[in-house]
């Protein structure tokens, strides 16, 4: 994997970016046709609705990173029902209201409802793969 650094004006520092590998053989429609740019430092420091370096919606950069499996420090996860694969699974939290299902590769909008006893329930709505 080829990694570079670039200056991000949103977090006011250098960040690591990479291009995802492209399959060398023909694949199914869900495989990307070209490499995708991924910010390896995507996280809570990211601000605004769009990535200032690439003009992509912020959630899309998070989903690309989750899909690429290049994140080295792990994800915050919530256990919830994924309508994409119809299973209760650990969802990778991309931001405050989007999570990525590593099993079926769908993006879910979710909300955490805290119960009186301090436990919580995660409710979601599958939104596809977060591509524009």
Protein backbone atom coordinates (compact mmCIF):
# COMPACT_ATOMS: atom_id res chain seq x y z
CA UNK A 1 0.00 0.00 0.00
CA UNK A 2 1.29 3.42 -0.95
CA UNK A 3 0.94 5.95 1.90
CA UNK A 4 1.50 9.71 1.64
CA UNK A 5 1.09 12.69 3.94
CA UNK A 6 -0.91 15.80 3.16
CA UNK A 7 -1.94 18.89 5.08
CA UNK A 8 -5.56 18.88 6.30
CA UNK A 9 -6.98 22.33 6.99
CA UNK A 10 -9.84 20.92 9.09
CA UNK A 11 -7.55 19.42 11.75
CA UNK A 12 -4.63 21.80 11.04
CA UNK A 13 -1.94 19.13 10.71
CA UNK A 14 -0.38 16.57 8.40
CA UNK A 15 -2.48 13.41 7.90
CA UNK A 16 -1.73 10.07 6.29
CA UNK A 17 -3.60 9.20 3.11
CA UNK A 18 -3.54 6.03 1.04
CA UNK A 19 -5.00 4.59 -2.13
CA UNK A 20 -6.93 1.36 -1.74
CA UNK A 21 -5.74 -1.58 -3.83
CA UNK A 22 -7.78 -2.44 -6.91
CA UNK A 23 -8.60 -6.07 -7.73
CA UNK A 24 -6.51 -7.37 -10.60
CA UNK A 25 -9.40 -9.42 -11.92
CA UNK A 26 -12.96 -8.63 -12.93
CA UNK A 27 -15.27 -8.53 -9.95
CA UNK A 28 -18.82 -7.93 -9.00
CA UNK A 29 -20.52 -4.56 -9.29
CA UNK A 30 -19.75 -3.71 -5.66
CA UNK A 31 -15.99 -3.69 -6.24
CA UNK A 32 -14.55 -0.26 -7.03
CA UNK A 33 -13.30 0.29 -10.60
CA UNK A 34 -10.44 2.52 -9.49
CA UNK A 35 -8.43 3.07 -6.31
CA UNK A 36 -10.18 5.13 -3.63
CA UNK A 37 -8.45 7.79 -1.56
CA UNK A 38 -8.61 6.99 2.15
CA UNK A 39 -7.60 9.23 5.03
CA UNK A 40 -5.93 6.95 7.56
CA UNK A 41 -6.29 9.60 10.27
CA UNK A 42 -10.08 9.99 9.94
CA UNK A 43 -11.68 10.45 13.33
CA UNK A 44 -13.17 12.82 15.84
CA UNK A 45 -10.80 15.66 14.88
CA UNK A 46 -12.50 15.81 11.47
CA UNK A 47 -14.90 18.73 11.33
CA UNK A 48 -17.59 19.93 8.94
CA UNK A 49 -19.76 17.97 6.57
CA UNK A 50 -17.08 17.56 3.88
CA UNK A 51 -13.45 16.50 3.81
CA UNK A 52 -11.58 19.69 2.82
CA UNK A 53 -8.87 17.76 0.96
CA UNK A 54 -11.07 15.66 -1.29
CA UNK A 55 -14.49 17.34 -1.20
CA UNK A 56 -16.20 14.14 -0.09
CA UNK A 57 -18.89 13.96 2.56
CA UNK A 58 -17.20 13.32 5.91
CA UNK A 59 -19.19 10.14 6.49
CA UNK A 60 -18.04 8.80 3.11
CA UNK A 61 -14.38 9.13 4.12
CA UNK A 62 -15.15 7.20 7.31
CA UNK A 63 -16.97 4.48 5.39
CA UNK A 64 -14.07 4.20 2.91
CA UNK A 65 -11.67 3.72 5.81
CA UNK A 66 -13.92 1.12 7.44
CA UNK A 67 -14.41 -0.74 4.15
CA UNK A 68 -10.66 -0.71 3.41
CA UNK A 69 -9.81 -2.35 6.76
CA UNK A 70 -6.70 -0.10 6.92
CA UNK A 71 -7.46 1.47 10.29
CA UNK A 72 -4.78 0.40 12.76
CA UNK A 73 -6.27 1.58 16.08
CA UNK A 74 -9.65 -0.14 15.82
CA UNK A 75 -13.15 1.30 15.81
CA UNK A 76 -15.59 2.20 18.51
CA UNK A 77 -18.40 -0.29 18.06
CA UNK A 78 -22.05 -0.61 19.01
CA UNK A 79 -23.97 -3.85 19.03
CA UNK A 80 -27.07 -3.42 16.92
CA UNK A 81 -29.32 -4.89 14.27
CA UNK A 82 -28.11 -4.45 10.69
CA UNK A 83 -30.93 -4.46 8.15
CA UNK A 84 -28.39 -5.19 5.41
CA UNK A 85 -27.42 -8.64 6.65
CA UNK A 86 -30.41 -9.00 9.00
CA UNK A 87 -28.20 -9.85 11.99
CA UNK A 88 -27.36 -8.36 15.34
CA UNK A 89 -23.67 -7.57 15.02
CA UNK A 90 -20.88 -5.23 16.12
CA UNK A 91 -21.17 -2.09 13.98
CA UNK A 92 -18.15 0.19 13.48
CA UNK A 93 -19.13 3.74 14.52
CA UNK A 94 -18.14 6.16 11.74
CA UNK A 95 -19.61 9.27 13.40
CA UNK A 96 -22.36 10.20 15.86
CA UNK A 97 -25.15 8.77 13.74
CA UNK A 98 -23.59 6.46 11.13
CA UNK A 99 -22.15 2.99 11.58
CA UNK A 100 -20.61 0.51 9.13
CA UNK A 101 -21.39 -3.20 9.15
CA UNK A 102 -18.16 -5.13 8.50
CA UNK A 103 -20.17 -8.26 7.72
CA UNK A 104 -22.23 -7.00 4.76
CA UNK A 105 -20.48 -3.66 4.05
CA UNK A 106 -23.58 -1.47 4.46
CA UNK A 107 -23.85 1.85 6.23
CA UNK A 108 -26.50 2.27 8.89
CA UNK A 109 -27.89 5.42 10.43
CA UNK A 110 -28.37 4.70 14.11
CA UNK A 111 -29.50 6.19 17.37
CA UNK A 112 -28.67 5.04 20.88
CA UNK A 113 -31.63 4.97 23.26
CA UNK A 114 -30.60 4.85 26.92
CA UNK A 115 -32.97 2.90 29.16
CA UNK A 116 -33.88 3.72 32.77
CA UNK A 117 -31.53 1.01 34.08
CA UNK A 118 -28.52 2.55 32.27
CA UNK A 119 -28.44 -0.04 29.50
CA UNK A 120 -28.92 1.03 25.92
CA UNK A 121 -30.60 -0.09 22.72
CA UNK A 122 -29.25 0.73 19.27
CA UNK A 123 -31.85 1.32 16.58
CA UNK A 124 -30.88 1.77 12.96
CA UNK A 125 -31.87 2.32 9.37
CA UNK A 126 -29.75 0.93 6.51
CA UNK A 127 -28.73 3.59 4.00
CA UNK A 128 -26.70 1.62 1.44
CA UNK A 129 -22.97 2.03 0.94
CA UNK A 130 -22.69 5.81 1.52
CA UNK A 131 -21.63 6.54 -2.03
CA UNK A 132 -22.99 9.78 -3.54
